[in-house]
Amino acid sequence: ADFLKEELFTDPAVSAQWYPSKDYHKLYIGVIEAAYSNCQALRD
């Protein structure tokens, strides 16, 4: 996990368009440990 950083954008237009207030997202990378389909059954 780390914040996106203005100085690391290789295209400054992206930063200018999406972060005019400099409120950069934090990026989270996670390993997918499990996947579930039909979560309705979890209620049980």
All heavy atoms as atom14 arrays in JSON, in Angstrom:
{
  "sequence": "ADFLKEELFTDPAVSAQWYPSKDYHKLYIGVIEAAYSNCQALRD",
  "atom14_mask": [
    [1, 1, 1, 1, 1, 0, 0, 0, 0, 0, 0, 0, 0, 0],
    [1, 1, 1, 1, 1, 1, 1, 1, 0, 0, 0, 0, 0, 0],
    [1, 1, 1, 1, 1, 1, 1, 1, 1, 1, 1, 0, 0, 0],
    [1, 1, 1, 1, 1, 1, 1, 1, 0, 0, 0, 0, 0, 0],
    [1, 1, 1, 1, 1, 1, 1, 1, 1, 0, 0, 0, 0, 0],
    [1, 1, 1, 1, 1, 1, 1, 1, 1, 0, 0, 0, 0, 0],
    [1, 1, 1, 1, 1, 1, 1, 1, 1, 0, 0, 0, 0, 0],
    [1, 1, 1, 1, 1, 1, 1, 1, 0, 0, 0, 0, 0, 0],
    [1, 1, 1, 1, 1, 1, 1, 1, 1, 1, 1, 0, 0, 0],
    [1, 1, 1, 1, 1, 1, 1, 0, 0, 0, 0, 0, 0, 0],
    [1, 1, 1, 1, 1, 1, 1, 1, 0, 0, 0, 0, 0, 0],
    [1, 1, 1, 1, 1, 1, 1, 0, 0, 0, 0, 0, 0, 0],
    [1, 1, 1, 1, 1, 0, 0, 0, 0, 0, 0, 0, 0, 0],
    [1, 1, 1, 1, 1, 1, 1, 0, 0, 0, 0, 0, 0, 0],
    [1, 1, 1, 1, 1, 1, 0, 0, 0, 0, 0, 0, 0, 0],
    [1, 1, 1, 1, 1, 0, 0, 0, 0, 0, 0, 0, 0, 0],
    [1, 1, 1, 1, 1, 1, 1, 1, 1, 0, 0, 0, 0, 0],
    [1, 1, 1, 1, 1, 1, 1, 1, 1, 1, 1, 1, 1, 1],
    [1, 1, 1, 1, 1, 1, 1, 1, 1, 1, 1, 1, 0, 0],
    [1, 1, 1, 1, 1, 1, 1, 0, 0, 0, 0, 0, 0, 0],
    [1, 1, 1, 1, 1, 1, 0, 0, 0, 0, 0, 0, 0, 0],
    [1, 1, 1, 1, 1, 1, 1, 1, 1, 0, 0, 0, 0, 0],
    [1, 1, 1, 1, 1, 1, 1, 1, 0, 0, 0, 0, 0, 0],
    [1, 1, 1, 1, 1, 1, 1, 1, 1, 1, 1, 1, 0, 0],
    [1, 1, 1, 1, 1, 1, 1, 1, 1, 1, 0, 0, 0, 0],
    [1, 1, 1, 1, 1, 1, 1, 1, 1, 0, 0, 0, 0, 0],
    [1, 1, 1, 1, 1, 1, 1, 1, 0, 0, 0, 0, 0, 0],
    [1, 1, 1, 1, 1, 1, 1, 1, 1, 1, 1, 1, 0, 0],
    [1, 1, 1, 1, 1, 1, 1, 1, 0, 0, 0, 0, 0, 0],
    [1, 1, 1, 1, 0, 0, 0, 0, 0, 0, 0, 0, 0, 0],
    [1, 1, 1, 1, 1, 1, 1, 0, 0, 0, 0, 0, 0, 0],
    [1, 1, 1, 1, 1, 1, 1, 1, 0, 0, 0, 0, 0, 0],
    [1, 1, 1, 1, 1, 1, 1, 1, 1, 0, 0, 0, 0, 0],
    [1, 1, 1, 1, 1, 0, 0, 0, 0, 0, 0, 0, 0, 0],
    [1, 1, 1, 1, 1, 0, 0, 0, 0, 0, 0, 0, 0, 0],
    [1, 1, 1, 1, 1, 1, 1, 1, 1, 1, 1, 1, 0, 0],
    [1, 1, 1, 1, 1, 1, 0, 0, 0, 0, 0, 0, 0, 0],
    [1, 1, 1, 1, 1, 1, 1, 1, 0, 0, 0, 0, 0, 0],
    [1, 1, 1, 1, 1, 1, 0, 0, 0, 0, 0, 0, 0, 0],
    [1, 1, 1, 1, 1, 1, 1, 1, 1, 0, 0, 0, 0, 0],
    [1, 1, 1, 1, 1, 0, 0, 0, 0, 0, 0, 0, 0, 0],
    [1, 1, 1, 1, 1, 1, 1, 1, 0, 0, 0, 0, 0, 0],
    [1, 1, 1, 1, 1, 1, 1, 1, 1, 1, 1, 0, 0, 0],
    [1, 1, 1, 1, 1, 1, 1, 1, 0, 0, 0, 0, 0, 0]
  ],
  "atom14_positions": [
    [[0.85, -1.19, 0.0], [0.0, 0.0, 0.0], [0.88, 1.24, 0.0], [1.87, 1.3, 0.74], [-0.92, 0.01, 1.22], [0.0, 0.0, 0.0], [0.0, 0.0, 0.0], [0.0, 0.0, 0.0], [0.0, 0.0, 0.0], [0.0, 0.0, 0.0], [0.0, 0.0, 0.0], [0.0, 0.0, 0.0], [0.0, 0.0, 0.0], [0.0, 0.0, 0.0]],
    [[0.54, 2.19, -0.84], [1.25, 3.47, -0.87], [0.4, 4.48, -1.61], [-0.42, 4.11, -2.47], [2.61, 3.33, -1.55], [3.54, 4.51, -1.24], [3.2, 5.37, -0.4], [4.62, 4.57, -1.85], [0.0, 0.0, 0.0], [0.0, 0.0, 0.0], [0.0, 0.0, 0.0], [0.0, 0.0, 0.0], [0.0, 0.0, 0.0], [0.0, 0.0, 0.0]],
    [[0.61, 5.75, -1.3], [-0.1, 6.81, -2.01], [0.48, 7.03, -3.4], [1.69, 6.91, -3.6], [0.01, 8.13, -1.23], [-0.92, 8.19, -0.05], [-0.44, 7.93, 1.22], [-2.25, 8.5, -0.22], [-1.29, 7.98, 2.31], [-3.12, 8.55, 0.86], [-2.63, 8.29, 2.13], [0.0, 0.0, 0.0], [0.0, 0.0, 0.0], [0.0, 0.0, 0.0]],
    [[-0.4, 7.32, -4.32], [0.06, 7.79, -5.62], [0.74, 9.13, -5.39], [0.33, 9.9, -4.52], [-1.12, 7.95, -6.58], [-1.95, 6.68, -6.84], [-3.11, 7.0, -7.79], [-1.08, 5.58, -7.41], [0.0, 0.0, 0.0], [0.0, 0.0, 0.0], [0.0, 0.0, 0.0], [0.0, 0.0, 0.0], [0.0, 0.0, 0.0], [0.0, 0.0, 0.0]],
    [[1.78, 9.41, -6.16], [2.58, 10.62, -5.94], [2.63, 11.45, -7.23], [2.9, 10.91, -8.31], [3.98, 10.24, -5.49], [4.01, 9.53, -4.15], [5.4, 9.04, -3.8], [5.44, 8.36, -2.46], [4.78, 7.08, -2.4], [0.0, 0.0, 0.0], [0.0, 0.0, 0.0], [0.0, 0.0, 0.0], [0.0, 0.0, 0.0], [0.0, 0.0, 0.0]],
    [[2.39, 12.72, -7.07], [2.35, 13.63, -8.21], [3.6, 13.53, -9.07], [3.52, 13.45, -10.29], [2.17, 15.06, -7.7], [2.11, 16.09, -8.82], [1.88, 17.5, -8.29], [2.13, 17.77, -7.11], [1.45, 18.35, -9.1], [0.0, 0.0, 0.0], [0.0, 0.0, 0.0], [0.0, 0.0, 0.0], [0.0, 0.0, 0.0], [0.0, 0.0, 0.0]],
    [[4.75, 13.49, -8.44], [6.01, 13.5, -9.18], [6.28, 12.2, -9.94], [7.18, 12.14, -10.78], [7.18, 13.83, -8.24], [7.46, 12.79, -7.18], [6.65, 12.95, -5.89], [5.68, 13.75, -5.87], [6.98, 12.26, -4.93], [0.0, 0.0, 0.0], [0.0, 0.0, 0.0], [0.0, 0.0, 0.0], [0.0, 0.0, 0.0], [0.0, 0.0, 0.0]],
    [[5.51, 11.16, -9.67], [5.74, 9.88, -10.35], [4.82, 9.66, -11.55], [4.97, 8.66, -12.25], [5.6, 8.73, -9.35], [6.64, 8.74, -8.21], [6.42, 7.56, -7.28], [8.06, 8.76, -8.76], [0.0, 0.0, 0.0], [0.0, 0.0, 0.0], [0.0, 0.0, 0.0], [0.0, 0.0, 0.0], [0.0, 0.0, 0.0], [0.0, 0.0, 0.0]],
    [[3.88, 10.58, -11.78], [3.05, 10.46, -12.98], [3.91, 10.78, -14.19], [4.55, 11.83, -14.26], [1.87, 11.44, -12.91], [0.74, 10.93, -12.07], [0.68, 11.23, -10.72], [-0.27, 10.16, -12.63], [-0.37, 10.76, -9.94], [-1.32, 9.68, -11.86], [-1.37, 9.98, -10.51], [0.0, 0.0, 0.0], [0.0, 0.0, 0.0], [0.0, 0.0, 0.0]],
    [[3.96, 9.87, -15.15], [4.73, 10.12, -16.37], [3.96, 10.99, -17.34], [4.53, 11.54, -18.28], [5.15, 8.8, -17.03], [3.98, 8.04, -17.32], [6.09, 8.01, -16.11], [0.0, 0.0, 0.0], [0.0, 0.0, 0.0], [0.0, 0.0, 0.0], [0.0, 0.0, 0.0], [0.0, 0.0, 0.0], [0.0, 0.0, 0.0], [0.0, 0.0, 0.0]],
    [[2.66, 11.1, -17.14], [1.81, 12.0, -17.91], [1.18, 12.98, -16.92], [0.19, 12.65, -16.26], [0.73, 11.22, -18.66], [-0.16, 12.1, -19.51], [-0.09, 13.35, -19.39], [-0.94, 11.54, -20.3], [0.0, 0.0, 0.0], [0.0, 0.0, 0.0], [0.0, 0.0, 0.0], [0.0, 0.0, 0.0], [0.0, 0.0, 0.0], [0.0, 0.0, 0.0]],
    [[1.73, 14.17, -16.79], [1.22, 15.14, -15.82], [-0.26, 15.51, -16.02], [-0.92, 15.94, -15.09], [2.11, 16.37, -16.02], [3.31, 15.88, -16.74], [2.88, 14.68, -17.53], [0.0, 0.0, 0.0], [0.0, 0.0, 0.0], [0.0, 0.0, 0.0], [0.0, 0.0, 0.0], [0.0, 0.0, 0.0], [0.0, 0.0, 0.0], [0.0, 0.0, 0.0]],
    [[-0.77, 15.31, -17.22], [-2.17, 15.63, -17.49], [-3.1, 14.74, -16.66], [-4.19, 15.17, -16.27], [-2.47, 15.48, -18.98], [0.0, 0.0, 0.0], [0.0, 0.0, 0.0], [0.0, 0.0, 0.0], [0.0, 0.0, 0.0], [0.0, 0.0, 0.0], [0.0, 0.0, 0.0], [0.0, 0.0, 0.0], [0.0, 0.0, 0.0], [0.0, 0.0, 0.0]],
    [[-2.69, 13.51, -16.38], [-3.52, 12.6, -15.58], [-3.65, 13.17, -14.16], [-4.75, 13.25, -13.61], [-2.93, 11.18, -15.55], [-3.69, 10.29, -14.59], [-2.92, 10.58, -16.95], [0.0, 0.0, 0.0], [0.0, 0.0, 0.0], [0.0, 0.0, 0.0], [0.0, 0.0, 0.0], [0.0, 0.0, 0.0], [0.0, 0.0, 0.0], [0.0, 0.0, 0.0]],
    [[-2.53, 13.55, -13.59], [-2.57, 14.13, -12.25], [-3.4, 15.41, -12.23], [-4.23, 15.61, -11.33], [-1.15, 14.42, -11.76], [-1.17, 15.01, -10.47], [0.0, 0.0, 0.0], [0.0, 0.0, 0.0], [0.0, 0.0, 0.0], [0.0, 0.0, 0.0], [0.0, 0.0, 0.0], [0.0, 0.0, 0.0], [0.0, 0.0, 0.0], [0.0, 0.0, 0.0]],
    [[-3.22, 16.26, -13.21], [-3.95, 17.52, -13.26], [-5.46, 17.28, -13.42], [-6.28, 17.97, -12.79], [-3.43, 18.37, -14.42], [0.0, 0.0, 0.0], [0.0, 0.0, 0.0], [0.0, 0.0, 0.0], [0.0, 0.0, 0.0], [0.0, 0.0, 0.0], [0.0, 0.0, 0.0], [0.0, 0.0, 0.0], [0.0, 0.0, 0.0], [0.0, 0.0, 0.0]],
    [[-5.84, 16.29, -14.23], [-7.26, 16.02, -14.47], [-7.95, 15.41, -13.26], [-9.04, 15.81, -12.88], [-7.43, 15.09, -15.67], [-8.89, 14.73, -15.93], [-9.06, 13.77, -17.09], [-8.1, 13.34, -17.72], [-10.31, 13.42, -17.37], [0.0, 0.0, 0.0], [0.0, 0.0, 0.0], [0.0, 0.0, 0.0], [0.0, 0.0, 0.0], [0.0, 0.0, 0.0]],
    [[-7.32, 14.41, -12.65], [-7.98, 13.63, -11.61], [-7.66, 14.07, -10.19], [-8.35, 13.65, -9.25], [-7.67, 12.14, -11.79], [-8.22, 11.63, -13.09], [-7.53, 11.35, -14.23], [-9.6, 11.4, -13.39], [-8.38, 10.94, -15.22], [-9.67, 10.96, -14.73], [-10.78, 11.5, -12.67], [-10.85, 10.63, -15.36], [-11.98, 11.18, -13.29], [-12.01, 10.75, -14.62]],
    [[-6.63, 14.89, -10.02], [-6.23, 15.29, -8.67], [-5.96, 16.8, -8.59], [-4.91, 17.23, -8.11], [-4.99, 14.51, -8.24], [-5.21, 13.02, -8.27], [-4.74, 12.25, -9.33], [-5.9, 12.39, -7.25], [-4.96, 10.88, -9.37], [-6.13, 11.02, -7.28], [-5.66, 10.28, -8.35], [-5.89, 8.93, -8.38], [0.0, 0.0, 0.0], [0.0, 0.0, 0.0]],
    [[-6.91, 17.62, -9.01], [-6.68, 19.08, -8.93], [-6.5, 19.55, -7.48], [-5.82, 20.56, -7.25], [-7.92, 19.68, -9.57], [-8.97, 18.63, -9.46], [-8.23, 17.31, -9.54], [0.0, 0.0, 0.0], [0.0, 0.0, 0.0], [0.0, 0.0, 0.0], [0.0, 0.0, 0.0], [0.0, 0.0, 0.0], [0.0, 0.0, 0.0], [0.0, 0.0, 0.0]],
    [[-7.05, 18.83, -6.52], [-6.91, 19.19, -5.1], [-5.75, 18.46, -4.44], [-5.57, 18.55, -3.22], [-8.2, 18.87, -4.34], [-9.27, 19.6, -4.88], [0.0, 0.0, 0.0], [0.0, 0.0, 0.0], [0.0, 0.0, 0.0], [0.0, 0.0, 0.0], [0.0, 0.0, 0.0], [0.0, 0.0, 0.0], [0.0, 0.0, 0.0], [0.0, 0.0, 0.0]],
    [[-5.0, 17.69, -5.21], [-3.84, 16.93, -4.71], [-4.24, 15.87, -3.67], [-3.44, 15.49, -2.81], [-2.77, 17.86, -4.12], [-2.38, 19.02, -5.0], [-1.57, 18.58, -6.18], [-1.06, 19.81, -6.94], [-0.88, 19.56, -8.32], [0.0, 0.0, 0.0], [0.0, 0.0, 0.0], [0.0, 0.0, 0.0], [0.0, 0.0, 0.0], [0.0, 0.0, 0.0]],
    [[-5.46, 15.39, -3.75], [-5.96, 14.37, -2.82], [-5.77, 12.98, -3.44], [-6.71, 12.31, -3.81], [-7.42, 14.62, -2.45], [-8.34, 14.64, -3.66], [-7.87, 14.87, -4.8], [-9.56, 14.43, -3.47], [0.0, 0.0, 0.0], [0.0, 0.0, 0.0], [0.0, 0.0, 0.0], [0.0, 0.0, 0.0], [0.0, 0.0, 0.0], [0.0, 0.0, 0.0]],
    [[-4.54, 12.57, -3.53], [-4.18, 11.35, -4.22], [-4.71, 10.1, -3.52], [-4.7, 10.01, -2.29], [-2.66, 11.26, -4.39], [-2.15, 12.34, -5.29], [-1.63, 13.53, -4.77], [-2.22, 12.2, -6.67], [-1.18, 14.54, -5.61], [-1.78, 13.21, -7.52], [-1.27, 14.38, -6.98], [-0.85, 15.38, -7.81], [0.0, 0.0, 0.0], [0.0, 0.0, 0.0]],
    [[-5.14, 9.15, -4.33], [-5.57, 7.85, -3.82], [-4.4, 7.11, -3.18], [-3.24, 7.33, -3.54], [-6.06, 6.96, -4.97], [-7.39, 7.29, -5.5], [-7.58, 8.09, -6.61], [-8.63, 6.91, -5.1], [-8.88, 8.19, -6.86], [-9.54, 7.47, -5.97], [0.0, 0.0, 0.0], [0.0, 0.0, 0.0], [0.0, 0.0, 0.0], [0.0, 0.0, 0.0]],
    [[-4.74, 6.2, -2.29], [-3.78, 5.22, -1.83], [-4.05, 3.95, -2.62], [-5.2, 3.52, -2.76], [-3.9, 4.95, -0.34], [-2.73, 4.12, 0.2], [-2.65, 4.19, 1.71], [-1.31, 3.63, 2.19], [-1.23, 3.73, 3.66], [0.0, 0.0, 0.0], [0.0, 0.0, 0.0], [0.0, 0.0, 0.0], [0.0, 0.0, 0.0], [0.0, 0.0, 0.0]],
    [[-3.01, 3.36, -3.15], [-3.09, 2.13, -3.92], [-2.88, 0.95, -2.98], [-1.94, 0.93, -2.18], [-2.0, 2.11, -5.0], [-1.73, 0.78, -5.7], [-2.9, 0.4, -6.6], [-0.43, 0.88, -6.51], [0.0, 0.0, 0.0], [0.0, 0.0, 0.0], [0.0, 0.0, 0.0], [0.0, 0.0, 0.0], [0.0, 0.0, 0.0], [0.0, 0.0, 0.0]],
    [[-3.79, -0.01, -3.05], [-3.68, -1.25, -2.28], [-3.56, -2.41, -3.27], [-4.39, -2.54, -4.17], [-4.92, -1.48, -1.41], [-5.1, -0.42, -0.36], [-5.88, 0.7, -0.62], [-4.5, -0.54, 0.89], [-6.05, 1.68, 0.35], [-4.67, 0.44, 1.86], [-5.45, 1.55, 1.58], [-5.61, 2.51, 2.54], [0.0, 0.0, 0.0], [0.0, 0.0, 0.0]],
    [[-2.53, -3.22, -3.07], [-2.39, -4.44, -3.86], [-2.56, -5.6, -2.89], [-1.9, -5.66, -1.84], [-1.01, -4.54, -4.54], [-0.79, -3.36, -5.49], [-0.88, -5.88, -5.29], [0.61, -3.3, -6.1], [0.0, 0.0, 0.0], [0.0, 0.0, 0.0], [0.0, 0.0, 0.0], [0.0, 0.0, 0.0], [0.0, 0.0, 0.0], [0.0, 0.0, 0.0]],
    [[-3.47, -6.5, -3.24], [-3.72, -7.64, -2.38], [-3.66, -8.94, -3.14], [-4.03, -9.0, -4.31], [0.0, 0.0, 0.0], [0.0, 0.0, 0.0], [0.0, 0.0, 0.0], [0.0, 0.0, 0.0], [0.0, 0.0, 0.0], [0.0, 0.0, 0.0], [0.0, 0.0, 0.0], [0.0, 0.0, 0.0], [0.0, 0.0, 0.0], [0.0, 0.0, 0.0]],
    [[-3.18, -9.97, -2.47], [-3.23, -11.31, -3.04], [-4.66, -11.8, -2.87], [-5.28, -11.59, -1.83], [-2.21, -12.27, -2.38], [-2.46, -12.45, -0.9], [-2.19, -13.61, -3.08], [0.0, 0.0, 0.0], [0.0, 0.0, 0.0], [0.0, 0.0, 0.0], [0.0, 0.0, 0.0], [0.0, 0.0, 0.0], [0.0, 0.0, 0.0], [0.0, 0.0, 0.0]],
    [[-5.21, -12.41, -3.9], [-6.56, -12.97, -3.82], [-6.43, -14.33, -3.13], [-5.94, -15.29, -3.71], [-7.21, -13.11, -5.21], [-7.28, -11.75, -5.9], [-8.6, -13.74, -5.09], [-7.71, -11.81, -7.36], [0.0, 0.0, 0.0], [0.0, 0.0, 0.0], [0.0, 0.0, 0.0], [0.0, 0.0, 0.0], [0.0, 0.0, 0.0], [0.0, 0.0, 0.0]],
    [[-6.88, -14.39, -1.88], [-6.76, -15.62, -1.1], [-7.94, -16.56, -1.3], [-7.82, -17.76, -1.08], [-6.61, -15.3, 0.38], [-5.28, -14.62, 0.68], [-5.0, -14.52, 2.16], [-5.92, -14.17, 2.92], [-3.86, -14.79, 2.54], [0.0, 0.0, 0.0], [0.0, 0.0, 0.0], [0.0, 0.0, 0.0], [0.0, 0.0, 0.0], [0.0, 0.0, 0.0]],
    [[-9.08, -16.0, -1.68], [-10.26, -16.82, -1.92], [-11.2, -16.05, -2.83], [-11.2, -14.82, -2.86], [-10.97, -17.15, -0.61], [0.0, 0.0, 0.0], [0.0, 0.0, 0.0], [0.0, 0.0, 0.0], [0.0, 0.0, 0.0], [0.0, 0.0, 0.0], [0.0, 0.0, 0.0], [0.0, 0.0, 0.0], [0.0, 0.0, 0.0], [0.0, 0.0, 0.0]],
    [[-11.98, -16.8, -3.58], [-13.01, -16.21, -4.43], [-14.29, -17.0, -4.19], [-14.27, -18.23, -4.07], [-12.6, -16.28, -5.9], [0.0, 0.0, 0.0], [0.0, 0.0, 0.0], [0.0, 0.0, 0.0], [0.0, 0.0, 0.0], [0.0, 0.0, 0.0], [0.0, 0.0, 0.0], [0.0, 0.0, 0.0], [0.0, 0.0, 0.0], [0.0, 0.0, 0.0]],
    [[-15.39, -16.27, -4.09], [-16.69, -16.89, -3.84], [-17.67, -16.45, -4.91], [-17.74, -15.27, -5.24], [-17.26, -16.46, -2.49], [-16.49, -16.98, -1.31], [-15.5, -16.23, -0.7], [-16.77, -18.24, -0.79], [-14.8, -16.71, 0.39], [-16.07, -18.73, 0.3], [-15.09, -17.95, 0.89], [-14.4, -18.44, 1.98], [0.0, 0.0, 0.0], [0.0, 0.0, 0.0]],
    [[-18.42, -17.39, -5.42], [-19.55, -17.04, -6.28], [-20.82, -17.4, -5.5], [-20.77, -18.2, -4.57], [-19.5, -17.79, -7.62], [-19.63, -19.18, -7.42], [0.0, 0.0, 0.0], [0.0, 0.0, 0.0], [0.0, 0.0, 0.0], [0.0, 0.0, 0.0], [0.0, 0.0, 0.0], [0.0, 0.0, 0.0], [0.0, 0.0, 0.0], [0.0, 0.0, 0.0]],
    [[-21.91, -16.77, -5.88], [-23.2, -17.01, -5.21], [-23.07, -16.81, -3.71], [-23.23, -17.74, -2.93], [-23.72, -18.41, -5.52], [-25.1, -18.64, -4.93], [-25.8, -17.7, -4.56], [-25.49, -19.89, -4.83], [0.0, 0.0, 0.0], [0.0, 0.0, 0.0], [0.0, 0.0, 0.0], [0.0, 0.0, 0.0], [0.0, 0.0, 0.0], [0.0, 0.0, 0.0]],
    [[-22.81, -15.58, -3.29], [-22.61, -15.28, -1.87], [-23.88, -15.37, -1.06], [-23.83, -15.32, 0.17], [-21.98, -13.9, -1.74], [-20.32, -13.87, -2.46], [0.0, 0.0, 0.0], [0.0, 0.0, 0.0], [0.0, 0.0, 0.0], [0.0, 0.0, 0.0], [0.0, 0.0, 0.0], [0.0, 0.0, 0.0], [0.0, 0.0, 0.0], [0.0, 0.0, 0.0]],
    [[-25.0, -15.54, -1.71], [-26.27, -15.69, -1.0], [-26.2, -16.82, 0.01], [-26.75, -16.74, 1.09], [-27.38, -15.94, -2.01], [-28.75, -15.7, -1.47], [-29.77, -15.65, -2.59], [-29.56, -16.24, -3.64], [-30.86, -14.98, -2.36], [0.0, 0.0, 0.0], [0.0, 0.0, 0.0], [0.0, 0.0, 0.0], [0.0, 0.0, 0.0], [0.0, 0.0, 0.0]],
    [[-25.47, -17.86, -0.3], [-25.37, -19.0, 0.6], [-24.56, -18.69, 1.87], [-24.63, -19.43, 2.84], [-24.77, -20.19, -0.13], [0.0, 0.0, 0.0], [0.0, 0.0, 0.0], [0.0, 0.0, 0.0], [0.0, 0.0, 0.0], [0.0, 0.0, 0.0], [0.0, 0.0, 0.0], [0.0, 0.0, 0.0], [0.0, 0.0, 0.0], [0.0, 0.0, 0.0]],
    [[-23.8, -17.6, 1.87], [-23.04, -17.23, 3.07], [-23.96, -16.91, 4.24], [-23.56, -17.01, 5.39], [-22.13, -16.03, 2.8], [-20.88, -16.3, 1.98], [-20.24, -14.99, 1.57], [-19.91, -17.16, 2.74], [0.0, 0.0, 0.0], [0.0, 0.0, 0.0], [0.0, 0.0, 0.0], [0.0, 0.0, 0.0], [0.0, 0.0, 0.0], [0.0, 0.0, 0.0]],
    [[-25.2, -16.51, 3.97], [-26.11, -16.15, 5.06], [-26.31, -17.32, 6.02], [-26.58, -17.12, 7.19], [-27.44, -15.65, 4.51], [-28.28, -16.76, 3.92], [-29.66, -16.25, 3.55], [-30.35, -17.31, 2.84], [-30.82, -17.19, 1.62], [-30.71, -16.04, 0.98], [-31.43, -18.19, 1.02], [0.0, 0.0, 0.0], [0.0, 0.0, 0.0], [0.0, 0.0, 0.0]],
    [[-26.16, -18.53, 5.53], [-26.35, -19.7, 6.36], [-25.2, -19.9, 7.36], [-25.33, -20.68, 8.29], [-26.51, -20.95, 5.51], [-27.69, -20.84, 4.55], [-28.68, -20.16, 4.92], [-27.61, -21.38, 3.44], [0.0, 0.0, 0.0], [0.0, 0.0, 0.0], [0.0, 0.0, 0.0], [0.0, 0.0, 0.0], [0.0, 0.0, 0.0], [0.0, 0.0, 0.0]]
  ]
}
